[in-house]
Amino acid sequence: MNAMVPHRGGAPVGYVTELGPVEAGAVLYLRLWCDGPDAQAQVWNDFATALGSEGGRKALKSFECLCDMCVRHGRRPLMRHHVTCKCLGADESCFANFIGYASEGEREDALLIATTIVRPDMAPSLVGLAQDFGLALKRMAIKANQPTTKPTTLH
């Protein structure tokens, strides 16, 4: 294989704006997490703001373990685009769909995708973490869509 050939995992396959809130959140937080300590602090801040201190801590722990498992047991490094890039890379699309299936309780589909990300023996553990993280993203999306104005008092 030629070292100059780009990794297929980074090939653009769409746009982040085409994803639902859980999937888009998964891509955004993956990008941020891999961007360094300052961006990781932003992840924590987002989770704590949306889910409260305890809920944010649980979501962060699941996400942290998920990322760690992908790095330590990954079949290969996940390719990603820059945090502000509008493109969606192939690996990011795979990750987004994985988190989406897991958050919906579609364990078999999530497990199938997980085997393309990590070693097959680690896939069930990865699915459990993805489900926790995906459900946290769902709660964040629901909270973001709630009206922020107080009802008007008539009397």
Protein backbone atom coordinates (compact mmCIF):
# COMPACT_ATOMS: atom_id res chain seq x y z
CA MET A 1 0.00 0.00 0.00
CA ASN A 2 1.27 3.44 -0.88
CA ALA A 3 1.86 5.70 2.13
CA MET A 4 0.59 8.67 0.12
CA VAL A 5 -2.92 7.20 -0.30
CA PRO A 6 -5.39 9.09 1.92
CA HIS A 7 -7.30 7.10 4.50
CA ARG A 8 -10.77 6.23 3.27
CA GLY A 9 -12.18 6.88 6.75
CA GLY A 10 -11.71 10.60 6.22
CA ALA A 11 -13.46 10.71 2.85
CA PRO A 12 -16.41 13.14 2.90
CA VAL A 13 -19.73 11.32 2.64
CA GLY A 14 -22.15 14.10 3.53
CA TYR A 15 -22.67 17.05 5.81
CA VAL A 16 -23.05 17.19 9.57
CA THR A 17 -26.25 19.23 9.08
CA GLU A 18 -27.88 16.16 7.49
CA LEU A 19 -27.68 14.27 10.80
CA GLY A 20 -30.20 14.16 13.61
CA PRO A 21 -29.35 15.79 16.95
CA VAL A 22 -27.94 12.63 18.58
CA GLU A 23 -25.78 11.73 15.60
CA ALA A 24 -24.59 15.32 15.05
CA GLY A 25 -23.77 15.59 18.76
CA ALA A 26 -21.78 12.37 18.58
CA VAL A 27 -19.66 13.74 15.73
CA LEU A 28 -19.19 17.14 17.36
CA TYR A 29 -18.12 15.68 20.70
CA LEU A 30 -15.80 13.15 19.04
CA ARG A 31 -14.11 15.99 17.18
CA LEU A 32 -13.88 18.14 20.30
CA TRP A 33 -12.55 15.31 22.45
CA CYS A 34 -9.77 14.59 20.00
CA ASP A 35 -8.91 18.29 19.72
CA GLY A 36 -7.16 18.52 23.09
CA PRO A 37 -7.63 19.59 26.71
CA ASP A 38 -9.31 22.94 26.05
CA ALA A 39 -11.90 21.33 23.79
CA GLN A 40 -12.37 18.50 26.31
CA ALA A 41 -13.18 21.13 28.92
CA GLN A 42 -15.87 22.44 26.56
CA VAL A 43 -17.33 18.91 26.35
CA TRP A 44 -17.53 18.74 30.15
CA ASN A 45 -19.08 22.21 30.30
CA ASP A 46 -21.74 21.29 27.74
CA PHE A 47 -22.62 18.07 29.56
CA ALA A 48 -22.73 19.72 33.00
CA THR A 49 -24.78 22.66 31.72
CA ALA A 50 -27.35 20.48 29.99
CA LEU A 51 -27.48 17.52 32.37
CA GLY A 52 -26.43 18.96 35.71
CA SER A 53 -23.28 18.14 37.59
CA GLU A 54 -24.07 14.49 38.35
CA GLY A 55 -25.69 13.69 34.99
CA GLY A 56 -22.91 15.50 33.16
CA ARG A 57 -20.28 13.54 35.06
CA LYS A 58 -21.95 10.23 34.14
CA ALA A 59 -22.24 11.20 30.48
CA LEU A 60 -18.63 12.35 30.41
CA LYS A 61 -17.44 9.11 32.01
CA SER A 62 -19.29 7.01 29.42
CA PHE A 63 -17.93 9.14 26.60
CA GLU A 64 -14.41 9.10 28.02
CA CYS A 65 -14.47 5.30 28.29
CA LEU A 66 -15.98 5.03 24.81
CA CYS A 67 -13.18 7.12 23.28
CA ASP A 68 -10.52 5.30 25.28
CA MET A 69 -11.82 1.94 24.12
CA CYS A 70 -11.82 3.10 20.49
CA VAL A 71 -8.19 4.17 20.84
CA ARG A 72 -6.92 1.15 22.79
CA HIS A 73 -8.89 -1.56 21.02
CA GLY A 74 -9.67 0.06 17.68
CA ARG A 75 -9.17 -1.83 14.46
CA ARG A 76 -7.49 1.36 13.21
CA PRO A 77 -7.53 5.03 14.22
CA LEU A 78 -10.83 6.79 13.53
CA MET A 79 -10.38 9.58 11.01
CA ARG A 80 -12.14 12.84 11.70
CA HIS A 81 -12.52 16.30 10.26
CA HIS A 82 -11.79 19.60 12.02
CA VAL A 83 -14.29 20.70 14.68
CA THR A 84 -15.70 23.48 12.47
CA CYS A 85 -15.74 21.46 9.22
CA LYS A 86 -19.20 21.09 7.69
CA CYS A 87 -18.26 17.83 5.94
CA LEU A 88 -19.01 14.46 7.47
CA GLY A 89 -16.24 11.89 7.09
CA ALA A 90 -16.85 8.17 6.50
CA ASP A 91 -15.57 7.17 9.96
CA GLU A 92 -17.57 9.96 11.57
CA SER A 93 -20.69 8.76 9.77
CA CYS A 94 -20.07 5.25 11.04
CA PHE A 95 -19.56 6.55 14.59
CA ALA A 96 -22.70 8.71 14.39
CA ASN A 97 -24.86 5.82 13.20
CA PHE A 98 -23.36 3.56 15.85
CA ILE A 99 -24.31 6.01 18.62
CA GLY A 100 -27.72 6.56 17.04
CA TYR A 101 -28.56 2.85 16.92
CA ALA A 102 -27.32 2.34 20.47
CA SER A 103 -29.40 5.26 21.78
CA GLU A 104 -32.51 3.79 20.17
CA GLY A 105 -31.96 0.37 21.77
CA GLU A 106 -31.10 -1.22 18.42
CA ARG A 107 -28.42 -3.37 20.06
CA GLU A 108 -27.85 -5.81 17.20
CA ASP A 109 -27.29 -3.06 14.63
CA ALA A 110 -25.07 -1.16 17.07
CA LEU A 111 -23.10 -4.35 17.76
CA LEU A 112 -22.58 -4.95 14.05
CA ILE A 113 -21.17 -1.44 13.59
CA ALA A 114 -19.09 -1.74 16.78
CA THR A 115 -17.24 -4.73 15.27
CA THR A 116 -16.00 -2.43 12.51
CA ILE A 117 -14.67 0.05 15.07
CA VAL A 118 -13.05 -2.20 17.70
CA ARG A 119 -11.97 -5.81 18.06
CA PRO A 120 -15.02 -8.10 18.08
CA ASP A 121 -14.43 -9.20 21.68
CA MET A 122 -14.66 -5.58 22.82
CA ALA A 123 -17.75 -4.69 20.78
CA PRO A 124 -20.41 -5.57 23.41
CA SER A 125 -18.74 -3.31 25.99
CA LEU A 126 -18.50 -0.52 23.43
CA VAL A 127 -22.24 -0.81 22.71
CA GLY A 128 -23.10 -0.39 26.39
CA LEU A 129 -21.02 2.78 26.62
CA ALA A 130 -22.51 4.06 23.36
CA GLN A 131 -26.01 3.52 24.69
CA ASP A 132 -25.27 5.54 27.84
CA PHE A 133 -23.65 8.32 25.82
CA GLY A 134 -26.39 8.33 23.18
CA LEU A 135 -29.14 8.57 25.78
CA ALA A 136 -27.32 11.53 27.36
CA LEU A 137 -27.24 13.20 23.93
CA LYS A 138 -30.99 12.55 23.59
CA ARG A 139 -31.63 14.22 26.95
CA MET A 140 -29.50 17.18 25.90
CA ALA A 141 -31.41 17.52 22.61
CA ILE A 142 -34.77 17.37 24.39
CA LYS A 143 -33.68 20.00 26.89
CA ALA A 144 -32.36 22.25 24.10
CA ASN A 145 -35.76 22.15 22.38
CA GLN A 146 -37.77 23.11 25.48
CA PRO A 147 -39.12 26.64 25.52
CA THR A 148 -37.08 28.94 27.73
CA THR A 149 -39.79 31.55 28.34
CA LYS A 150 -41.91 31.43 31.45
CA PRO A 151 -45.66 31.20 31.10
CA THR A 152 -47.43 34.50 31.40
CA THR A 153 -49.31 35.02 34.65
CA LEU A 154 -52.81 36.22 33.88
CA HIS A 155 -54.01 37.03 37.42
